[in-house]
């Protein structure tokens, strides 16, 4: 899944905000039903790569992806197991991630 959000903030400020709030973006995308565990992240220039386990009451879902911060946009790429669509439809998650990222940038 890919979500791209435009911004007009200084690039370093966007990087700092993303770095501080990565886990919150994904918790919000699932309506708060998920806890982020075993998070690992690494910045290489303007790109953050991450992995974590999304933990719900009845399962643990491995998540990996990246966030690319450019001068006027942020692109979030997320790889989720296919079965996740049964619980959290991609369209709904994409809209929520878009909303969460926009919230960080205002």
Protein backbone atom coordinates (compact mmCIF):
# COMPACT_ATOMS: atom_id res chain seq x y z
CA UNK A 1 0.00 0.00 0.00
CA UNK A 2 1.29 3.46 -0.88
CA UNK A 3 0.09 6.76 0.57
CA UNK A 4 1.47 10.10 -0.64
CA UNK A 5 0.77 13.32 1.24
CA UNK A 6 1.76 16.81 0.08
CA UNK A 7 3.29 19.26 2.55
CA UNK A 8 4.70 22.77 2.71
CA UNK A 9 6.87 22.36 5.82
CA UNK A 10 10.67 22.46 6.01
CA UNK A 11 11.96 19.00 5.08
CA UNK A 12 13.96 18.47 8.29
CA UNK A 13 10.96 19.40 10.40
CA UNK A 14 8.88 16.80 8.55
CA UNK A 15 11.60 14.18 9.10
CA UNK A 16 11.67 15.00 12.83
CA UNK A 17 7.89 14.79 13.13
CA UNK A 18 7.73 11.46 11.29
CA UNK A 19 10.53 10.07 13.45
CA UNK A 20 8.78 11.07 16.69
CA UNK A 21 5.33 9.84 15.67
CA UNK A 22 5.74 6.80 13.42
CA UNK A 23 3.99 4.42 15.82
CA UNK A 24 1.08 6.82 16.31
CA UNK A 25 0.44 6.93 12.57
CA UNK A 26 -0.23 3.20 12.48
CA UNK A 27 -2.15 3.02 15.72
CA UNK A 28 -4.47 5.71 14.40
CA UNK A 29 -4.87 3.91 11.08
CA UNK A 30 -6.51 0.98 12.84
CA UNK A 31 -8.73 3.00 15.11
CA UNK A 32 -6.46 2.40 18.10
CA UNK A 33 -7.02 -1.37 18.08
CA UNK A 34 -3.34 -2.11 17.48
CA UNK A 35 -0.28 -1.76 19.68
CA UNK A 36 3.12 -1.34 18.03
CA UNK A 37 5.77 -3.74 19.36
CA UNK A 38 9.33 -4.70 18.46
CA UNK A 39 9.77 -1.56 16.37
CA UNK A 40 12.98 -1.11 14.43
CA UNK A 41 13.74 1.88 12.25
CA UNK A 42 16.65 3.24 10.31
CA UNK A 43 17.10 6.51 8.42
CA UNK A 44 19.25 6.63 5.29
CA UNK A 45 19.19 10.25 4.21
CA UNK A 46 15.56 11.18 3.59
CA UNK A 47 14.20 7.63 3.74
CA UNK A 48 13.10 5.79 6.84
CA UNK A 49 12.80 2.01 6.71
CA UNK A 50 10.89 0.34 9.49
CA UNK A 51 9.58 -2.95 10.80
CA UNK A 52 7.31 -3.67 13.72
CA UNK A 53 4.69 -6.08 14.94
CA UNK A 54 1.13 -4.82 15.06
CA UNK A 55 -0.35 -6.56 18.08
CA UNK A 56 -4.10 -6.96 18.51
CA UNK A 57 -6.02 -8.89 21.11
CA UNK A 58 -5.99 -12.03 18.98
CA UNK A 59 -2.98 -11.85 16.62
CA UNK A 60 0.41 -10.36 15.84
CA UNK A 61 0.95 -8.98 12.34
CA UNK A 62 4.43 -8.27 10.94
CA UNK A 63 4.62 -4.90 9.21
CA UNK A 64 7.46 -3.43 7.18
CA UNK A 65 7.81 -0.44 4.96
CA UNK A 66 9.40 2.90 4.31
CA UNK A 67 8.74 6.62 4.48
CA UNK A 68 10.36 8.92 1.93
CA UNK A 69 10.39 12.61 2.82
CA UNK A 70 10.80 14.91 -0.16
CA UNK A 71 10.66 18.70 -0.43
CA UNK A 72 6.89 18.80 -1.04
CA UNK A 73 5.58 15.34 -0.23
CA UNK A 74 5.82 12.35 2.07
CA UNK A 75 5.38 8.85 0.62
CA UNK A 76 4.57 5.97 2.95
CA UNK A 77 4.96 2.42 1.56
CA UNK A 78 3.67 -0.40 3.73
CA UNK A 79 3.84 -4.15 3.23
CA UNK A 80 1.15 -6.09 5.06
CA UNK A 81 0.18 -9.76 4.87
CA UNK A 82 -2.77 -10.28 2.51
CA UNK A 83 -5.11 -11.59 5.21
CA UNK A 84 -4.99 -8.19 6.98
CA UNK A 85 -7.52 -6.89 4.43
CA UNK A 86 -10.12 -9.11 6.10
CA UNK A 87 -9.80 -7.08 9.29
CA UNK A 88 -8.59 -3.66 8.12
CA UNK A 89 -9.54 -2.86 4.50
CA UNK A 90 -6.67 -1.19 2.61
CA UNK A 91 -8.81 1.72 1.42
CA UNK A 92 -9.80 2.56 4.97
CA UNK A 93 -6.24 2.17 6.26
CA UNK A 94 -4.84 4.31 3.44
CA UNK A 95 -7.32 7.10 4.19
CA UNK A 96 -6.53 6.93 7.87
CA UNK A 97 -2.75 6.95 7.31
CA UNK A 98 -3.22 9.94 5.00
CA UNK A 99 -5.18 11.69 7.74
CA UNK A 100 -2.62 10.82 10.44
CA UNK A 101 0.29 12.09 8.33
CA UNK A 102 -1.59 15.30 7.46
CA UNK A 103 -2.22 15.79 11.17
CA UNK A 104 1.51 15.58 11.84
CA UNK A 105 2.26 18.15 9.17
CA UNK A 106 -0.15 20.87 10.31
